[in-house]
C-alpha atoms as a PDB file:
ATOM      1  CA  MET A   1     -17.293  18.227   2.215  1.00  0.00           C
ATOM      2  CA  GLU A   2     -16.044  15.573  -0.190  1.00  0.00           C
ATOM      3  CA  THR A   3     -14.620  12.393   1.311  1.00  0.00           C
ATOM      4  CA  PRO A   4     -11.959  10.154  -0.208  1.00  0.00           C
ATOM      5  CA  ARG A   5     -12.978   7.347  -2.526  1.00  0.00           C
ATOM      6  CA  LEU A   6     -11.342   3.939  -2.238  1.00  0.00           C
ATOM      7  CA  GLU A   7     -10.704   3.989  -5.992  1.00  0.00           C
ATOM      8  CA  ASP A   8      -8.704   7.239  -5.676  1.00  0.00           C
ATOM      9  CA  ILE A   9      -6.647   5.808  -2.823  1.00  0.00           C
ATOM     10  CA  HIS A  10      -5.939   2.641  -4.810  1.00  0.00           C
ATOM     11  CA  ASN A  11      -4.839   4.752  -7.790  1.00  0.00           C
ATOM     12  CA  VAL A  12      -2.351   6.571  -5.560  1.00  0.00           C
ATOM     13  CA  LEU A  13      -1.079   3.279  -4.129  1.00  0.00           C
ATOM     14  CA  LEU A  14      -0.271   2.121  -7.661  1.00  0.00           C
ATOM     15  CA  ASN A  15       2.552   4.681  -7.481  1.00  0.00           C
ATOM     16  CA  CYS A  16       4.061   3.350  -4.247  1.00  0.00           C
ATOM     17  CA  PHE A  17       6.853   0.804  -4.655  1.00  0.00           C
ATOM     18  CA  ASP A  18       9.207  -1.296  -2.607  1.00  0.00           C
ATOM     19  CA  PRO A  19      12.503   0.205  -3.865  1.00  0.00           C
ATOM     20  CA  GLU A  20      13.944  -3.296  -4.260  1.00  0.00           C
ATOM     21  CA  ILE A  21      11.017  -4.730  -6.258  1.00  0.00           C
ATOM     22  CA  PRO A  22       9.676  -3.070  -9.443  1.00  0.00           C
ATOM     23  CA  VAL A  23       6.013  -3.727  -8.557  1.00  0.00           C
ATOM     24  CA  ASN A  24       3.630  -1.408  -6.711  1.00  0.00           C
ATOM     25  CA  VAL A  25       2.443  -2.206  -3.182  1.00  0.00           C
ATOM     26  CA  LEU A  26      -1.083  -3.098  -4.336  1.00  0.00           C
ATOM     27  CA  ASP A  27       0.057  -5.643  -6.919  1.00  0.00           C
ATOM     28  CA  LEU A  28       2.574  -7.063  -4.462  1.00  0.00           C
ATOM     29  CA  GLY A  29      -0.337  -7.767  -2.109  1.00  0.00           C
ATOM     30  CA  LEU A  30       1.120  -5.626   0.671  1.00  0.00           C
ATOM     31  CA  ILE A  31      -2.067  -3.615   1.285  1.00  0.00           C
ATOM     32  CA  TYR A  32      -4.401  -5.584   3.530  1.00  0.00           C
ATOM     33  CA  ASP A  33      -7.057  -2.947   4.187  1.00  0.00           C
ATOM     34  CA  VAL A  34      -7.913   0.721   3.651  1.00  0.00           C
ATOM     35  CA  ARG A  35     -10.348   2.201   6.150  1.00  0.00           C
ATOM     36  CA  ILE A  36     -11.994   5.529   5.483  1.00  0.00           C
ATOM     37  CA  ASN A  37     -13.585   7.492   8.323  1.00  0.00           C
ATOM     38  CA  GLY A  38     -14.814  10.836   7.047  1.00  0.00           C
ATOM     39  CA  ARG A  39     -11.701  12.464   5.587  1.00  0.00           C
ATOM     40  CA  ASP A  40      -9.274  10.292   7.583  1.00  0.00           C
ATOM     41  CA  VAL A  41      -7.658   7.225   6.024  1.00  0.00           C
ATOM     42  CA  HIS A  42      -6.068   4.284   7.819  1.00  0.00           C
ATOM     43  CA  VAL A  43      -3.980   1.901   5.714  1.00  0.00           C
ATOM     44  CA  ILE A  44      -3.160  -1.548   7.053  1.00  0.00           C
ATOM     45  CA  MET A  45      -0.257  -3.123   5.231  1.00  0.00           C
ATOM     46  CA  THR A  46       2.600  -5.535   5.533  1.00  0.00           C
ATOM     47  CA  LEU A  47       6.023  -5.954   3.963  1.00  0.00           C
ATOM     48  CA  THR A  48       7.617  -8.846   2.128  1.00  0.00           C
ATOM     49  CA  ALA A  49       9.864  -9.654   5.094  1.00  0.00           C
ATOM     50  CA  ARG A  50       9.718  -8.851   8.800  1.00  0.00           C
ATOM     51  CA  GLY A  51      13.222  -7.387   8.857  1.00  0.00           C
ATOM     52  CA  CYS A  52      12.736  -5.344   5.678  1.00  0.00           C
ATOM     53  CA  PRO A  53      15.272  -2.507   5.829  1.00  0.00           C
ATOM     54  CA  MET A  54      12.934  -0.313   3.756  1.00  0.00           C
ATOM     55  CA  HIS A  55      10.115  -0.531   6.346  1.00  0.00           C
ATOM     56  CA  SER A  56       9.940   3.169   7.146  1.00  0.00           C
ATOM     57  CA  VAL A  57      10.592   4.297   3.566  1.00  0.00           C
ATOM     58  CA  ILE A  58       7.723   2.256   2.124  1.00  0.00           C
ATOM     59  CA  SER A  59       5.185   3.061   4.845  1.00  0.00           C
ATOM     60  CA  GLU A  60       6.083   6.773   4.732  1.00  0.00           C
ATOM     61  CA  ASP A  61       5.720   6.777   0.930  1.00  0.00           C
ATOM     62  CA  VAL A  62       2.228   5.287   1.312  1.00  0.00           C
ATOM     63  CA  ARG A  63       1.306   7.840   3.985  1.00  0.00           C
ATOM     64  CA  HIS A  64       2.705  10.773   2.007  1.00  0.00           C
ATOM     65  CA  LYS A  65       1.099   9.887  -1.322  1.00  0.00           C
ATOM     66  CA  VAL A  66      -2.341   9.185   0.149  1.00  0.00           C
ATOM     67  CA  SER A  67      -2.147  12.455   2.124  1.00  0.00           C
ATOM     68  CA  GLN A  68      -1.700  14.351  -1.156  1.00  0.00           C
ATOM     69  CA  LEU A  69      -5.317  13.635  -2.129  1.00  0.00           C
ATOM     70  CA  ASP A  70      -7.442  16.784  -1.745  1.00  0.00           C
ATOM     71  CA  THR A  71     -10.168  14.771  -0.034  1.00  0.00           C
ATOM     72  CA  VAL A  72      -7.873  13.455   2.729  1.00  0.00           C
ATOM     73  CA  ASP A  73      -7.132  15.287   5.984  1.00  0.00           C
ATOM     74  CA  LYS A  74      -5.194  12.645   7.924  1.00  0.00           C
ATOM     75  CA  VAL A  75      -3.462   9.384   7.018  1.00  0.00           C
ATOM     76  CA  SER A  76      -2.148   6.693   9.317  1.00  0.00           C
ATOM     77  CA  VAL A  77      -0.295   3.590   8.194  1.00  0.00           C
ATOM     78  CA  GLU A  78      -0.176   0.465  10.307  1.00  0.00           C
ATOM     79  CA  VAL A  79       2.336  -2.244   9.415  1.00  0.00           C
ATOM     80  CA  VAL A  80       1.204  -5.694  10.532  1.00  0.00           C
ATOM     81  CA  TRP A  81       2.787  -9.124  10.289  1.00  0.00           C
ATOM     82  CA  GLU A  82      -0.346 -11.286  10.399  1.00  0.00           C
ATOM     83  CA  PRO A  83      -1.234 -12.751   8.072  1.00  0.00           C
ATOM     84  CA  GLN A  84       2.324 -13.228   6.928  1.00  0.00           C
ATOM     85  CA  TRP A  85       2.935 -12.105   3.348  1.00  0.00           C
ATOM     86  CA  THR A  86       3.685 -14.801   0.787  1.00  0.00           C
ATOM     87  CA  PRO A  87       4.346 -14.600  -2.964  1.00  0.00           C
ATOM     88  CA  SER A  88       0.883 -16.098  -3.543  1.00  0.00           C
ATOM     89  CA  MET A  89      -0.512 -12.652  -2.603  1.00  0.00           C
ATOM     90  CA  ILE A  90       0.999 -11.049  -5.713  1.00  0.00           C
ATOM     91  CA  SER A  91      -1.680 -10.077  -8.239  1.00  0.00           C
ATOM     92  CA  PRO A  92      -1.667 -11.432 -11.803  1.00  0.00           C
ATOM     93  CA  ASN A  93      -0.321  -8.050 -12.998  1.00  0.00           C
ATOM     94  CA  GLY A  94       2.463  -8.206 -10.416  1.00  0.00           C
ATOM     95  CA  ARG A  95       3.314 -11.797 -11.337  1.00  0.00           C
ATOM     96  CA  LYS A  96       3.549 -10.803 -14.982  1.00  0.00           C
ATOM     97  CA  ALA A  97       5.795  -7.802 -14.184  1.00  0.00           C
ATOM     98  CA  LEU A  98       8.093 -10.076 -12.164  1.00  0.00           C
ATOM     99  CA  GLY A  99       8.200 -12.728 -14.903  1.00  0.00           C
ATOM    100  CA  MET A 100       6.452 -15.267 -12.700  1.00  0.00           C
ATOM    101  CA  GLU A 101       3.923 -16.295 -15.379  1.00  0.00           C
END
């Protein structure tokens, strides 16, 4: 039975966006960890602000898109607030897309 590859999960996460920011969750630095246990995936992520009104939309988008991989049986998403997200976590690609470079 084939198990998910981290590369495949990252490719899916490149298609998950904060609706208010035109940069994917990986390049924004919102994904802190992806844990794979057999065919189950646990994503640990944060948001740009603690009171983000899009909290459930973004985390559900991550869960839904990762669950679409044929190699994945179950996905859980955990939103954490430590360490606190800062703009320094944005990747070079994300900084370029936001005009920060």
